[in-house]
Every structure is written in structure tokens, then in C-alpha cells.
N, C-alpha and C. Protein backbone atom coordinates (compact mmCIF):
# COMPACT_ATOMS: atom_id res chain seq x y z
N UNK A 1 71.98 -40.18 17.13
CA UNK A 1 71.73 -40.03 15.93
C UNK A 1 73.01 -39.60 15.25
N UNK A 2 74.38 -39.48 15.95
CA UNK A 2 74.96 -38.97 15.28
C UNK A 2 76.03 -40.25 14.84
N UNK A 3 75.74 -40.71 15.65
CA UNK A 3 76.92 -42.51 14.66
C UNK A 3 76.18 -43.01 13.89
N UNK A 4 74.75 -43.05 14.22
CA UNK A 4 74.12 -43.67 12.83
C UNK A 4 74.14 -42.79 11.59
N UNK A 5 74.36 -41.37 11.91
CA UNK A 5 74.82 -40.86 10.59
C UNK A 5 75.78 -41.09 10.17
N UNK A 6 77.03 -41.28 10.75
CA UNK A 6 78.44 -41.25 10.44
C UNK A 6 78.57 -42.55 9.99
N UNK A 7 77.97 -43.30 10.21
CA UNK A 7 77.68 -45.03 9.56
C UNK A 7 77.04 -45.06 7.90
N UNK A 8 75.84 -44.44 8.22
CA UNK A 8 74.59 -44.11 6.98
C UNK A 8 75.65 -43.12 5.80
N UNK A 9 76.46 -42.10 5.91
CA UNK A 9 76.61 -41.09 5.11
C UNK A 9 77.18 -41.71 3.78
N UNK A 10 78.14 -42.76 4.26
CA UNK A 10 78.73 -43.06 2.60
C UNK A 10 77.66 -43.49 2.24
N UNK A 11 76.63 -44.56 2.59
CA UNK A 11 75.77 -45.23 2.07
C UNK A 11 74.48 -44.54 1.21
N UNK A 12 74.39 -43.63 1.99
CA UNK A 12 73.55 -42.57 0.95
C UNK A 12 74.14 -41.62 0.21
N UNK A 13 75.40 -41.01 0.40
CA UNK A 13 76.62 -40.63 -0.94
C UNK A 13 76.67 -41.54 -2.05
N UNK A 14 76.67 -42.95 -1.59
CA UNK A 14 76.62 -43.83 -3.16
C UNK A 14 75.09 -43.90 -3.73
N UNK A 15 74.62 -43.99 -2.66
CA UNK A 15 72.36 -43.95 -3.26
C UNK A 15 72.14 -42.77 -4.12
N UNK A 16 72.54 -41.58 -3.49
CA UNK A 16 72.07 -39.99 -3.93
C UNK A 16 72.88 -39.67 -5.04
N UNK A 17 74.37 -40.22 -4.55
CA UNK A 17 75.09 -39.98 -6.19
C UNK A 17 74.85 -40.95 -7.37
N UNK A 18 74.53 -42.04 -7.12
CA UNK A 18 73.84 -42.77 -8.12
C UNK A 18 72.72 -42.35 -8.77
N UNK A 19 72.13 -41.60 -7.57
CA UNK A 19 70.53 -41.12 -8.55
C UNK A 19 70.78 -40.30 -9.47
N UNK A 20 71.69 -39.20 -8.57
CA UNK A 20 72.62 -38.09 -9.82
C UNK A 20 72.85 -38.16 -10.76
N UNK A 21 74.00 -39.52 -11.02
CA UNK A 21 74.30 -39.87 -12.26
C UNK A 21 73.75 -41.12 -13.27
N UNK A 22 73.02 -41.49 -12.71
CA UNK A 22 72.07 -41.68 -13.69
C UNK A 22 71.13 -40.21 -14.15
N UNK A 23 70.78 -39.59 -13.64
CA UNK A 23 69.64 -38.30 -13.97
C UNK A 23 70.88 -37.44 -15.15
N UNK A 24 71.81 -37.51 -14.76
CA UNK A 24 72.85 -37.00 -15.78
C UNK A 24 72.85 -37.41 -16.69
N UNK A 25 73.19 -39.41 -16.91
CA UNK A 25 73.25 -39.59 -18.00
C UNK A 25 71.90 -39.79 -18.94
N UNK A 26 70.41 -39.54 -18.78
CA UNK A 26 69.80 -39.83 -18.82
C UNK A 26 68.69 -38.33 -19.39
N UNK A 27 68.91 -37.33 -18.58
CA UNK A 27 68.75 -36.43 -18.75
C UNK A 27 69.39 -35.37 -19.48
N UNK A 28 70.84 -35.37 -19.71
CA UNK A 28 71.70 -34.46 -20.00
C UNK A 28 72.28 -35.06 -20.68
N UNK A 29 72.25 -35.83 -22.05
CA UNK A 29 72.64 -36.56 -22.78
C UNK A 29 72.82 -35.37 -23.98
N UNK A 30 72.36 -34.85 -24.33
CA UNK A 30 73.06 -33.64 -25.44
C UNK A 30 73.82 -33.10 -24.90
N UNK A 31 73.70 -32.58 -23.29
CA UNK A 31 75.34 -31.63 -23.42
C UNK A 31 76.40 -32.71 -22.88
N UNK A 32 76.24 -33.83 -23.18
CA UNK A 32 77.18 -35.05 -23.18
C UNK A 32 77.94 -35.23 -24.58
N UNK A 33 76.89 -35.35 -25.18
CA UNK A 33 77.01 -35.14 -26.76
C UNK A 33 78.11 -33.91 -27.83
N UNK A 34 77.69 -32.80 -26.89
CA UNK A 34 78.54 -31.57 -26.94
C UNK A 34 79.38 -32.07 -26.24
N UNK A 35 80.14 -32.21 -24.89
CA UNK A 35 80.87 -32.67 -24.40
C UNK A 35 82.20 -33.47 -25.03
N UNK A 36 81.23 -34.59 -26.33
CA UNK A 36 82.45 -35.48 -26.48
C UNK A 36 83.55 -34.81 -27.76
N UNK A 37 82.75 -33.58 -28.09
CA UNK A 37 84.01 -33.12 -28.54
C UNK A 37 85.12 -32.39 -28.02
N UNK A 38 85.12 -32.33 -27.27
CA UNK A 38 86.89 -31.29 -26.72
C UNK A 38 86.97 -32.64 -25.68
N UNK A 39 86.12 -33.84 -25.06
CA UNK A 39 86.75 -34.56 -23.85
C UNK A 39 86.47 -36.65 -24.29
N UNK A 40 87.11 -37.14 -23.90
CA UNK A 40 87.01 -38.64 -24.60
C UNK A 40 85.96 -38.68 -23.55
N UNK A 41 85.24 -39.78 -23.85
CA UNK A 41 84.04 -40.39 -23.34
C UNK A 41 84.34 -41.10 -21.84
N UNK A 42 85.53 -41.81 -21.60
CA UNK A 42 86.00 -42.07 -20.43
C UNK A 42 86.13 -40.57 -19.47
N UNK A 43 87.01 -39.46 -19.96
CA UNK A 43 86.90 -38.40 -19.02
C UNK A 43 85.37 -38.36 -18.72
N UNK A 44 84.42 -37.68 -19.67
CA UNK A 44 83.48 -37.66 -19.18
C UNK A 44 82.89 -38.37 -18.02
N UNK A 45 82.70 -39.70 -18.16
CA UNK A 45 81.76 -40.49 -17.60
C UNK A 45 82.33 -40.12 -16.39
N UNK A 46 84.02 -40.45 -16.00
CA UNK A 46 84.11 -40.25 -14.47
C UNK A 46 84.08 -38.78 -14.23
N UNK A 47 83.70 -37.72 -14.84
CA UNK A 47 84.18 -36.54 -14.46
C UNK A 47 82.40 -35.92 -13.84
N UNK A 48 81.27 -36.76 -14.92
CA UNK A 48 79.82 -37.14 -14.51
C UNK A 48 79.99 -37.78 -12.52
N UNK A 49 80.43 -38.58 -12.88
CA UNK A 49 79.88 -39.82 -11.30
C UNK A 49 80.86 -38.64 -10.51
N UNK A 50 81.77 -38.37 -10.41
CA UNK A 50 82.60 -37.30 -9.39
C UNK A 50 81.60 -36.22 -9.23
N UNK A 51 81.53 -35.85 -10.41
CA UNK A 51 80.44 -34.21 -9.90
C UNK A 51 79.04 -34.52 -9.12
N UNK A 52 78.63 -35.39 -9.97
CA UNK A 52 77.35 -35.97 -8.76
C UNK A 52 77.44 -36.25 -7.31
N UNK A 53 78.47 -37.38 -7.52
CA UNK A 53 78.88 -37.59 -5.81
C UNK A 53 79.42 -37.01 -4.87
N UNK A 54 80.09 -35.38 -5.78
CA UNK A 54 80.54 -34.28 -4.57
C UNK A 54 79.32 -34.06 -4.50
N UNK A 55 78.19 -33.32 -5.71
CA UNK A 55 77.46 -32.72 -4.80
C UNK A 55 76.13 -33.68 -3.70
N UNK A 56 76.07 -34.83 -4.21
CA UNK A 56 75.42 -35.92 -3.20
C UNK A 56 75.88 -35.71 -1.37
N UNK A 57 77.38 -35.05 -1.38
CA UNK A 57 77.73 -35.50 -0.33
C UNK A 57 77.63 -33.95 0.07
N UNK A 58 77.77 -32.99 -0.48
CA UNK A 58 77.47 -31.55 -0.68
C UNK A 58 76.14 -31.48 0.70
N UNK A 59 75.45 -31.87 -0.41
CA UNK A 59 74.20 -31.55 0.10
C UNK A 59 73.49 -32.64 1.15
N UNK A 60 74.13 -33.09 1.23
CA UNK A 60 74.24 -34.77 2.49
C UNK A 60 74.20 -33.68 3.87
N UNK A 61 75.20 -33.19 3.67
CA UNK A 61 76.30 -32.66 5.09
C UNK A 61 75.34 -31.14 5.01
N UNK A 62 74.88 -30.57 4.24
CA UNK A 62 73.78 -29.00 4.51
C UNK A 62 72.54 -29.75 5.56
N UNK A 63 72.26 -30.90 5.11
CA UNK A 63 70.51 -31.91 5.66
C UNK A 63 71.50 -32.53 6.77
N UNK A 64 71.92 -32.25 7.08
CA UNK A 64 72.61 -33.30 8.36
C UNK A 64 72.61 -32.24 9.49
N UNK A 65 73.17 -31.07 8.84
CA UNK A 65 73.39 -29.43 9.50
C UNK A 65 72.61 -29.02 10.41
N UNK A 66 71.73 -28.87 8.98
CA UNK A 66 69.86 -28.64 9.81
C UNK A 66 69.51 -29.40 10.85
N UNK A 67 69.18 -30.71 10.65
CA UNK A 67 68.81 -31.67 11.86
C UNK A 67 69.61 -31.45 12.70
N UNK A 68 71.00 -31.69 12.36
CA UNK A 68 71.71 -31.01 14.03
C UNK A 68 71.78 -30.14 15.11
N UNK A 69 71.43 -28.22 14.16
CA UNK A 69 71.33 -27.32 14.30
C UNK A 69 69.81 -27.20 15.50
N UNK A 70 69.06 -28.09 14.63
CA UNK A 70 67.08 -28.45 15.06
C UNK A 70 67.39 -28.72 16.18
N UNK A 71 68.70 -29.71 16.65
CA UNK A 71 68.00 -30.67 18.13
C UNK A 71 68.79 -29.56 19.59
N UNK A 72 68.23 -28.19 19.27
CA UNK A 72 68.60 -27.29 20.42
C UNK A 72 68.56 -28.08 21.60
N UNK A 73 68.72 -26.85 22.32
CA UNK A 73 68.16 -26.32 24.06
C UNK A 73 67.15 -26.15 24.37
N UNK A 74 66.39 -27.04 24.67
CA UNK A 74 64.93 -26.46 24.93
C UNK A 74 64.54 -25.83 26.79
N UNK A 75 63.92 -24.62 27.08
CA UNK A 75 63.87 -25.01 28.05
C UNK A 75 62.62 -25.19 29.59
N UNK A 76 63.26 -25.93 30.30
CA UNK A 76 61.72 -26.45 30.73
C UNK A 76 61.63 -26.24 32.07
N UNK A 77 60.86 -26.27 33.16
CA UNK A 77 60.86 -26.21 34.42
C UNK A 77 60.70 -27.25 35.17
N UNK A 78 61.97 -27.59 35.98
CA UNK A 78 63.30 -28.76 36.53
C UNK A 78 62.87 -28.60 38.33
N UNK A 79 62.58 -30.00 38.29
CA UNK A 79 62.48 -29.67 39.70
C UNK A 79 63.58 -30.45 41.07
N UNK A 80 64.41 -30.17 40.92
CA UNK A 80 65.77 -30.46 41.73
C UNK A 80 65.44 -31.25 42.71
N UNK A 81 64.84 -31.52 43.43
CA UNK A 81 64.62 -32.52 44.58
C UNK A 81 64.26 -34.27 44.18
N UNK A 82 63.00 -33.86 43.10
CA UNK A 82 63.11 -35.32 42.25
C UNK A 82 63.68 -35.51 41.40
N UNK A 83 64.51 -34.35 40.66
CA UNK A 83 65.36 -35.11 39.51
C UNK A 83 63.90 -34.89 38.61
N UNK A 84 62.89 -34.53 38.07
CA UNK A 84 62.05 -34.19 37.10
C UNK A 84 62.34 -33.57 36.11
N UNK A 85 62.05 -33.77 34.40
CA UNK A 85 61.40 -32.35 33.85
C UNK A 85 60.12 -31.74 33.82
N UNK A 86 59.81 -31.20 33.64
CA UNK A 86 58.24 -30.96 33.53
C UNK A 86 57.95 -30.79 31.90
N UNK A 87 57.80 -31.73 31.17
CA UNK A 87 58.49 -31.43 29.71
C UNK A 87 56.60 -30.47 29.10
N UNK A 88 55.98 -30.32 29.97
CA UNK A 88 54.30 -29.94 30.13
C UNK A 88 53.76 -28.93 29.71
N UNK A 89 55.19 -28.02 30.91
CA UNK A 89 55.67 -26.65 31.04
C UNK A 89 54.10 -26.26 31.95
N UNK A 90 53.80 -27.32 33.06
CA UNK A 90 52.81 -26.77 34.15
C UNK A 90 52.84 -26.29 35.07
N UNK A 91 54.39 -25.64 35.35
CA UNK A 91 54.73 -24.90 36.27
C UNK A 91 54.08 -26.30 37.78
N UNK A 92 54.23 -27.48 37.57
CA UNK A 92 54.91 -28.28 39.10
C UNK A 92 54.59 -29.39 38.36
N UNK A 93 55.51 -29.68 40.08
CA UNK A 93 56.32 -31.17 39.27
C UNK A 93 55.42 -32.24 39.77
N UNK A 94 55.60 -33.09 38.82
CA UNK A 94 55.10 -33.99 38.26
C UNK A 94 54.05 -35.45 39.39
N UNK A 95 55.93 -35.35 40.48
CA UNK A 95 56.23 -36.37 41.56
C UNK A 95 55.76 -35.67 42.04
N UNK A 96 56.22 -34.50 43.32
CA UNK A 96 56.18 -34.32 44.11
C UNK A 96 54.72 -33.14 44.97
N UNK A 97 54.71 -32.74 44.14
CA UNK A 97 53.33 -31.62 42.95
C UNK A 97 53.99 -29.81 43.67
N UNK A 98 54.81 -29.72 44.13
CA UNK A 98 54.97 -28.61 44.27
C UNK A 98 55.24 -27.70 43.30
N UNK A 99 55.23 -26.52 43.30
CA UNK A 99 55.21 -25.21 42.30
C UNK A 99 56.69 -24.78 42.06
N UNK A 100 56.44 -24.87 40.70
CA UNK A 100 58.39 -24.69 40.08
C UNK A 100 58.14 -23.15 39.50
N UNK A 101 59.35 -22.76 40.10
CA UNK A 101 59.57 -21.14 39.10
C UNK A 101 61.30 -21.24 38.86
N UNK A 102 61.91 -21.67 38.72
CA UNK A 102 62.76 -22.12 37.81
C UNK A 102 63.25 -22.98 36.57
N UNK A 103 63.19 -22.16 35.43
CA UNK A 103 63.52 -23.23 34.02
C UNK A 103 64.98 -23.31 34.27
N UNK A 104 65.24 -24.75 33.24
CA UNK A 104 66.71 -24.70 33.15
C UNK A 104 66.69 -25.89 31.85
N UNK A 105 68.02 -25.73 31.06
CA UNK A 105 67.98 -26.09 29.52
C UNK A 105 68.09 -27.16 29.32
N UNK A 106 67.53 -27.88 28.33
CA UNK A 106 67.32 -29.24 28.28
C UNK A 106 67.49 -29.59 26.99
N UNK A 107 68.06 -31.23 26.57
CA UNK A 107 67.75 -31.39 25.12
C UNK A 107 67.33 -33.50 25.10
N UNK A 108 66.47 -33.11 23.96
CA UNK A 108 65.95 -34.20 24.06
C UNK A 108 66.99 -35.39 23.36
N UNK A 109 66.91 -36.21 23.98
CA UNK A 109 67.62 -37.74 23.52
C UNK A 109 66.87 -39.12 22.70
N UNK A 110 67.30 -39.44 22.07
CA UNK A 110 66.74 -40.43 21.64
C UNK A 110 67.20 -41.66 20.98
N UNK A 111 67.54 -43.05 22.11
CA UNK A 111 68.11 -43.86 21.53
C UNK A 111 69.58 -44.08 22.74
N UNK A 112 69.98 -45.64 22.62
CA UNK A 112 70.40 -45.91 23.37
C UNK A 112 72.34 -44.60 23.11
N UNK A 113 72.23 -45.00 21.78
CA UNK A 113 73.67 -44.76 21.79
C UNK A 113 74.10 -43.08 21.85
N UNK A 114 72.83 -42.35 21.91
CA UNK A 114 72.68 -40.92 21.84
C UNK A 114 73.10 -40.57 23.91
N UNK A 115 72.45 -40.73 24.71
CA UNK A 115 72.05 -41.56 25.82
C UNK A 115 74.15 -41.87 26.36
N UNK A 116 75.14 -43.06 25.36
CA UNK A 116 76.27 -42.94 26.07
C UNK A 116 77.30 -41.74 25.56
N UNK A 117 76.71 -41.06 24.43
CA UNK A 117 77.61 -40.11 23.99
C UNK A 117 77.47 -38.49 25.48
N UNK A 118 75.96 -38.26 25.59
CA UNK A 118 75.84 -37.86 26.43
C UNK A 118 76.54 -38.24 27.95
N UNK A 119 76.44 -38.90 28.20
CA UNK A 119 77.25 -39.29 29.12
C UNK A 119 78.65 -39.11 29.35
N UNK A 120 79.28 -39.92 27.85
CA UNK A 120 80.72 -39.22 27.76
C UNK A 120 81.20 -38.03 27.65
N UNK A 121 80.50 -37.31 27.72
CA UNK A 121 80.45 -35.70 27.59
C UNK A 121 80.22 -34.38 28.81
N UNK A 122 79.74 -35.88 30.22
CA UNK A 122 79.71 -35.19 31.39
C UNK A 122 77.72 -34.90 31.69
N UNK A 123 76.96 -35.19 30.70
CA UNK A 123 75.66 -34.55 30.59
C UNK A 123 75.20 -36.06 31.64
N UNK A 124 74.13 -35.33 32.13
CA UNK A 124 73.39 -36.24 33.12
C UNK A 124 71.65 -36.45 32.91
N UNK A 125 70.90 -38.00 33.03
CA UNK A 125 70.09 -37.72 32.47
C UNK A 125 69.00 -37.23 33.57
N UNK A 126 67.80 -36.75 33.22
CA UNK A 126 66.92 -36.82 33.87
C UNK A 126 65.26 -37.09 33.98
N UNK A 127 64.80 -37.75 34.77
CA UNK A 127 63.30 -38.18 33.90
C UNK A 127 62.34 -36.98 33.69
N UNK A 128 61.73 -37.64 32.80
CA UNK A 128 60.80 -36.61 32.31
C UNK A 128 59.24 -37.24 33.03
N UNK A 129 58.25 -35.87 33.20
CA UNK A 129 57.73 -36.24 33.92
C UNK A 129 56.04 -36.05 33.03
N UNK A 130 55.16 -36.76 32.65
CA UNK A 130 54.08 -36.41 31.93
C UNK A 130 52.91 -36.09 33.12
N UNK A 131 52.07 -35.19 33.03
CA UNK A 131 50.80 -35.08 33.04
C UNK A 131 49.89 -36.43 32.98
N UNK A 132 49.69 -37.10 34.16
CA UNK A 132 48.94 -38.91 34.03
C UNK A 132 47.56 -38.24 34.75
N UNK A 133 46.81 -38.95 33.67
CA UNK A 133 45.48 -38.78 33.93
C UNK A 133 44.68 -39.12 35.16
N UNK A 134 43.87 -38.49 35.54
CA UNK A 134 43.38 -38.29 37.18
C UNK A 134 44.77 -37.43 38.32
N UNK A 135 45.80 -36.97 37.83
CA UNK A 135 46.51 -36.10 38.61
C UNK A 135 45.48 -34.87 38.88
N UNK A 136 46.26 -34.57 40.25
CA UNK A 136 45.31 -33.01 40.60
C UNK A 136 46.29 -31.82 39.93
N UNK A 137 45.14 -30.89 39.63
CA UNK A 137 45.84 -29.83 38.76
C UNK A 137 46.56 -28.72 39.74
N UNK A 138 46.76 -27.70 39.39
CA UNK A 138 47.90 -26.89 40.10
C UNK A 138 47.36 -26.53 41.48
N UNK A 139 45.78 -25.78 40.90
CA UNK A 139 45.15 -25.24 41.98
C UNK A 139 44.96 -26.38 43.35
N UNK A 140 45.27 -27.61 42.98
CA UNK A 140 44.62 -28.17 44.11
C UNK A 140 46.44 -28.74 44.89
N UNK A 141 47.30 -28.20 44.68
CA UNK A 141 48.52 -28.55 45.11
C UNK A 141 48.68 -27.08 45.93
N UNK A 142 49.35 -28.01 47.18
CA UNK A 142 49.53 -27.01 48.63
C UNK A 142 51.76 -27.10 48.27
N UNK A 143 51.44 -25.18 48.07
CA UNK A 143 53.07 -24.95 47.47
C UNK A 143 53.28 -24.24 48.95
């Protein structure tokens, strides 16, 4: 997600900046006529475009910051023997069916680019364990 955000950020700034510039010229024509007494038309157009692009860039930074802060760590039960994450918090390993007592922090990764980034910083991927239909409940396990 990080690299796709970096790639699409300038494109989104141009799109939202263009929409903002259009809104300024369509809805703010009264203010533009008042400014023509003080500034030239060329200065007003350049100023409106720069202001619109600046607001779009700042707004997108805040949105991306909010998205990345939401990708925080989540605590799940973890079976070190099977290297499996119990993402449903059932309290038992989906593979070996042993009771799990310890939790560890994990981040969810979507896509190959995020997996490469995680590998570059030294994070190791674990398997996810979902409760498959027909699997015995925790009471049926021998701990």
C-alpha cells in the first residue's frame, strides 16, 4: 500500500487540485472580480491554482496519515510450533489443536509489495489460521 500511495499521490493531487481550481473559478467568481482591482488576472489564476494544489496536497497527506495509523498492530493468539496465527481468537491452534495462552502482535499485510517491504525490514510472515467447517471445538481438544 505504501508504494501505491507514493505512485498515485501526485496524480491524486493534480485531480483534486483541478477539482478545487474549478470550484474556485465557478463558485468564487465574485471574489475573483473583487481581487482584479488589486492583482492582475494572471496573478489571480496562478494564485488560485497554487492554493488549490496546496490544499489538495495537505489534505491527502492527512488522509494517508490516518490510513497508515489505522494499520496498527493487532494482538492475536499465536502457535510458535506451527507458526500459525489464530486470527479468530478461538484460543487454540487451528493446525495442531493445542490450547494457546500467549498473544503476539501482528500487522495485516495485503499485496506482494507490502510483503516485500516487510521482508526488507526483517519481519517474517506467519500463516493465518481460520476455523474450517467441521473442525472440532476447543472442548474436544486434548491440551
